[in-house]
Amino acid sequence: MNGYLHPHWDGHMVEGWPAFPFFGWSTMLLWLLVFLVIGILVYRDANRRGMNGLLWFILVILPMVGFIFLILYLVLREPGGGQPVPAGDTAMDVLRERYARGEIDEEEFRKRREELERRD
């Protein structure tokens, strides 16, 4: 029988098409690596912007639909470079606020400020 009518695997032909060395496991691993790198970049960016980084990472690395979710992420993400998460008010900040609101007088403010400075 003719090889074109009944293609078979002989090491060089697959289903009647010539086999190329870059259509194999190495290409699949390369694409997996590309998806992982893009996923890590999206994860970091989403966390920096206060979004759920793990969810976006998983959605971006899904085979076949990862590019759709990547485009969706780029459209939906918060504008700007993201704001750094504030570390919270320090004890000195709270003391200054209480003094500014009039909750404590100047003498109490100085006493507590000196105590805080000694601890640092």
C-alpha atoms as a PDB file:
ATOM      1  CA  MET A   1       0.000   0.000   0.000  1.00  0.00           C
ATOM      2  CA  ASN A   2       0.961   3.559  -0.533  1.00  0.00           C
ATOM      3  CA  GLY A   3       2.471   5.461   2.419  1.00  0.00           C
ATOM      4  CA  TYR A   4       0.403   8.517   1.577  1.00  0.00           C
ATOM      5  CA  LEU A   5      -2.840   6.615   1.935  1.00  0.00           C
ATOM      6  CA  HIS A   6      -1.838   4.858   5.144  1.00  0.00           C
ATOM      7  CA  PRO A   7       0.653   7.037   6.979  1.00  0.00           C
ATOM      8  CA  HIS A   8       2.570   5.478   9.821  1.00  0.00           C
ATOM      9  CA  TRP A   9       5.348   6.337  12.236  1.00  0.00           C
ATOM     10  CA  ASP A  10       8.726   5.324  10.906  1.00  0.00           C
ATOM     11  CA  GLY A  11      10.798   7.875  12.766  1.00  0.00           C
ATOM     12  CA  HIS A  12      10.535  10.438  10.008  1.00  0.00           C
ATOM     13  CA  MET A  13       6.873  10.648   9.158  1.00  0.00           C
ATOM     14  CA  VAL A  14       3.895  11.247  11.426  1.00  0.00           C
ATOM     15  CA  GLU A  15       0.447  10.885   9.915  1.00  0.00           C
ATOM     16  CA  GLY A  16       1.896  11.583   6.492  1.00  0.00           C
ATOM     17  CA  TRP A  17       3.675  14.814   7.528  1.00  0.00           C
ATOM     18  CA  PRO A  18       7.425  15.190   7.854  1.00  0.00           C
ATOM     19  CA  ALA A  19       8.500  15.315  11.495  1.00  0.00           C
ATOM     20  CA  PHE A  20      10.486  18.357  12.598  1.00  0.00           C
ATOM     21  CA  PRO A  21      12.719  18.162  15.668  1.00  0.00           C
ATOM     22  CA  PHE A  22      11.228  21.304  17.228  1.00  0.00           C
ATOM     23  CA  PHE A  23       7.673  19.876  17.353  1.00  0.00           C
ATOM     24  CA  GLY A  24       8.356  17.689  20.356  1.00  0.00           C
ATOM     25  CA  TRP A  25       8.901  17.681  24.081  1.00  0.00           C
ATOM     26  CA  SER A  26      11.463  20.462  23.972  1.00  0.00           C
ATOM     27  CA  THR A  27       8.948  22.862  22.436  1.00  0.00           C
ATOM     28  CA  MET A  28       6.320  21.899  24.983  1.00  0.00           C
ATOM     29  CA  LEU A  29       8.761  22.465  27.852  1.00  0.00           C
ATOM     30  CA  LEU A  30       9.806  25.795  26.364  1.00  0.00           C
ATOM     31  CA  TRP A  31       6.177  26.976  26.217  1.00  0.00           C
ATOM     32  CA  LEU A  32       5.615  25.767  29.785  1.00  0.00           C
ATOM     33  CA  LEU A  33       8.617  27.811  30.898  1.00  0.00           C
ATOM     34  CA  VAL A  34       7.309  30.883  29.035  1.00  0.00           C
ATOM     35  CA  PHE A  35       3.887  30.516  30.687  1.00  0.00           C
ATOM     36  CA  LEU A  36       5.493  30.119  34.131  1.00  0.00           C
ATOM     37  CA  VAL A  37       7.641  33.238  33.706  1.00  0.00           C
ATOM     38  CA  ILE A  38       4.629  35.268  32.565  1.00  0.00           C
ATOM     39  CA  GLY A  39       2.619  33.833  35.467  1.00  0.00           C
ATOM     40  CA  ILE A  40       5.281  34.848  38.002  1.00  0.00           C
ATOM     41  CA  LEU A  41       5.428  38.373  36.598  1.00  0.00           C
ATOM     42  CA  VAL A  42       1.628  38.655  36.755  1.00  0.00           C
ATOM     43  CA  TYR A  43       1.645  37.261  40.316  1.00  0.00           C
ATOM     44  CA  ARG A  44       4.148  39.871  41.520  1.00  0.00           C
ATOM     45  CA  ASP A  45       2.368  42.710  39.750  1.00  0.00           C
ATOM     46  CA  ALA A  46      -1.056  41.691  41.080  1.00  0.00           C
ATOM     47  CA  ASN A  47       0.236  41.446  44.661  1.00  0.00           C
ATOM     48  CA  ARG A  48       1.860  44.868  44.352  1.00  0.00           C
ATOM     49  CA  ARG A  49      -1.456  46.308  43.192  1.00  0.00           C
ATOM     50  CA  GLY A  50      -3.420  44.735  46.039  1.00  0.00           C
ATOM     51  CA  MET A  51      -5.081  42.098  43.856  1.00  0.00           C
ATOM     52  CA  ASN A  52      -5.153  38.327  44.377  1.00  0.00           C
ATOM     53  CA  GLY A  53      -1.819  37.319  42.830  1.00  0.00           C
ATOM     54  CA  LEU A  54      -2.262  33.576  43.253  1.00  0.00           C
ATOM     55  CA  LEU A  55      -5.599  33.566  41.416  1.00  0.00           C
ATOM     56  CA  TRP A  56      -4.171  35.526  38.486  1.00  0.00           C
ATOM     57  CA  PHE A  57      -1.077  33.278  38.402  1.00  0.00           C
ATOM     58  CA  ILE A  58      -3.236  30.163  38.127  1.00  0.00           C
ATOM     59  CA  LEU A  59      -5.484  31.702  35.471  1.00  0.00           C
ATOM     60  CA  VAL A  60      -2.552  32.902  33.343  1.00  0.00           C
ATOM     61  CA  ILE A  61      -0.705  29.564  33.307  1.00  0.00           C
ATOM     62  CA  LEU A  62      -3.773  27.504  32.308  1.00  0.00           C
ATOM     63  CA  PRO A  63      -3.146  25.887  28.937  1.00  0.00           C
ATOM     64  CA  MET A  64      -5.102  27.186  25.953  1.00  0.00           C
ATOM     65  CA  VAL A  65      -6.858  30.022  27.832  1.00  0.00           C
ATOM     66  CA  GLY A  66      -3.854  31.586  29.555  1.00  0.00           C
ATOM     67  CA  PHE A  67      -3.457  34.283  26.913  1.00  0.00           C
ATOM     68  CA  ILE A  68      -7.124  35.239  27.260  1.00  0.00           C
ATOM     69  CA  PHE A  69      -6.742  35.642  31.031  1.00  0.00           C
ATOM     70  CA  LEU A  70      -3.468  37.543  30.542  1.00  0.00           C
ATOM     71  CA  ILE A  71      -5.253  40.054  28.319  1.00  0.00           C
ATOM     72  CA  LEU A  72      -8.142  40.192  30.787  1.00  0.00           C
ATOM     73  CA  TYR A  73      -5.687  40.873  33.637  1.00  0.00           C
ATOM     74  CA  LEU A  74      -3.972  43.649  31.709  1.00  0.00           C
ATOM     75  CA  VAL A  75      -7.350  45.294  31.094  1.00  0.00           C
ATOM     76  CA  LEU A  76      -8.751  44.878  34.634  1.00  0.00           C
ATOM     77  CA  ARG A  77      -5.702  45.619  36.770  1.00  0.00           C
ATOM     78  CA  GLU A  78      -5.544  48.755  38.853  1.00  0.00           C
ATOM     79  CA  PRO A  79      -3.961  51.736  37.090  1.00  0.00           C
ATOM     80  CA  GLY A  80      -0.581  53.010  38.210  1.00  0.00           C
ATOM     81  CA  GLY A  81       2.403  51.184  39.593  1.00  0.00           C
ATOM     82  CA  GLY A  82       0.704  50.162  42.783  1.00  0.00           C
ATOM     83  CA  GLN A  83       0.970  51.807  46.130  1.00  0.00           C
ATOM     84  CA  PRO A  84       3.363  50.457  48.737  1.00  0.00           C
ATOM     85  CA  VAL A  85       1.555  48.955  51.688  1.00  0.00           C
ATOM     86  CA  PRO A  86       1.857  51.330  54.657  1.00  0.00           C
ATOM     87  CA  ALA A  87       3.705  49.880  57.607  1.00  0.00           C
ATOM     88  CA  GLY A  88       1.141  51.284  60.019  1.00  0.00           C
ATOM     89  CA  ASP A  89       1.303  54.081  62.505  1.00  0.00           C
ATOM     90  CA  THR A  90       4.278  54.127  64.799  1.00  0.00           C
ATOM     91  CA  ALA A  91       3.887  54.939  68.458  1.00  0.00           C
ATOM     92  CA  MET A  92       5.367  58.389  67.809  1.00  0.00           C
ATOM     93  CA  ASP A  93       2.763  59.075  65.106  1.00  0.00           C
ATOM     94  CA  VAL A  94      -0.050  58.110  67.473  1.00  0.00           C
ATOM     95  CA  LEU A  95       1.422  60.338  70.166  1.00  0.00           C
ATOM     96  CA  ARG A  96       1.633  63.300  67.786  1.00  0.00           C
ATOM     97  CA  GLU A  97      -1.961  62.757  66.676  1.00  0.00           C
ATOM     98  CA  ARG A  98      -3.210  62.648  70.271  1.00  0.00           C
ATOM     99  CA  TYR A  99      -1.324  65.860  71.041  1.00  0.00           C
ATOM    100  CA  ALA A 100      -2.690  67.534  67.894  1.00  0.00           C
ATOM    101  CA  ARG A 101      -6.266  66.576  68.844  1.00  0.00           C
ATOM    102  CA  GLY A 102      -5.754  67.956  72.343  1.00  0.00           C
ATOM    103  CA  GLU A 103      -6.144  64.621  74.125  1.00  0.00           C
ATOM    104  CA  ILE A 104      -2.875  65.195  76.009  1.00  0.00           C
ATOM    105  CA  ASP A 105      -1.165  68.409  77.069  1.00  0.00           C
ATOM    106  CA  GLU A 106       2.352  69.559  76.170  1.00  0.00           C
ATOM    107  CA  GLU A 107       3.915  68.235  79.364  1.00  0.00           C
ATOM    108  CA  GLU A 108       2.446  64.750  78.816  1.00  0.00           C
ATOM    109  CA  PHE A 109       3.525  64.846  75.159  1.00  0.00           C
ATOM    110  CA  ARG A 110       7.156  65.665  76.051  1.00  0.00           C
ATOM    111  CA  LYS A 111       7.271  63.039  78.780  1.00  0.00           C
ATOM    112  CA  ARG A 112       5.980  60.275  76.511  1.00  0.00           C
ATOM    113  CA  ARG A 113       8.126  61.411  73.576  1.00  0.00           C
ATOM    114  CA  GLU A 114      11.273  61.185  75.703  1.00  0.00           C
ATOM    115  CA  GLU A 115      10.223  57.719  76.880  1.00  0.00           C
ATOM    116  CA  LEU A 116       9.680  56.558  73.301  1.00  0.00           C
ATOM    117  CA  GLU A 117      13.035  57.984  72.197  1.00  0.00           C
ATOM    118  CA  ARG A 118      14.800  56.134  75.000  1.00  0.00           C
ATOM    119  CA  ARG A 119      13.310  52.824  73.870  1.00  0.00           C
ATOM    120  CA  ASP A 120      14.506  53.254  70.282  1.00  0.00           C
END
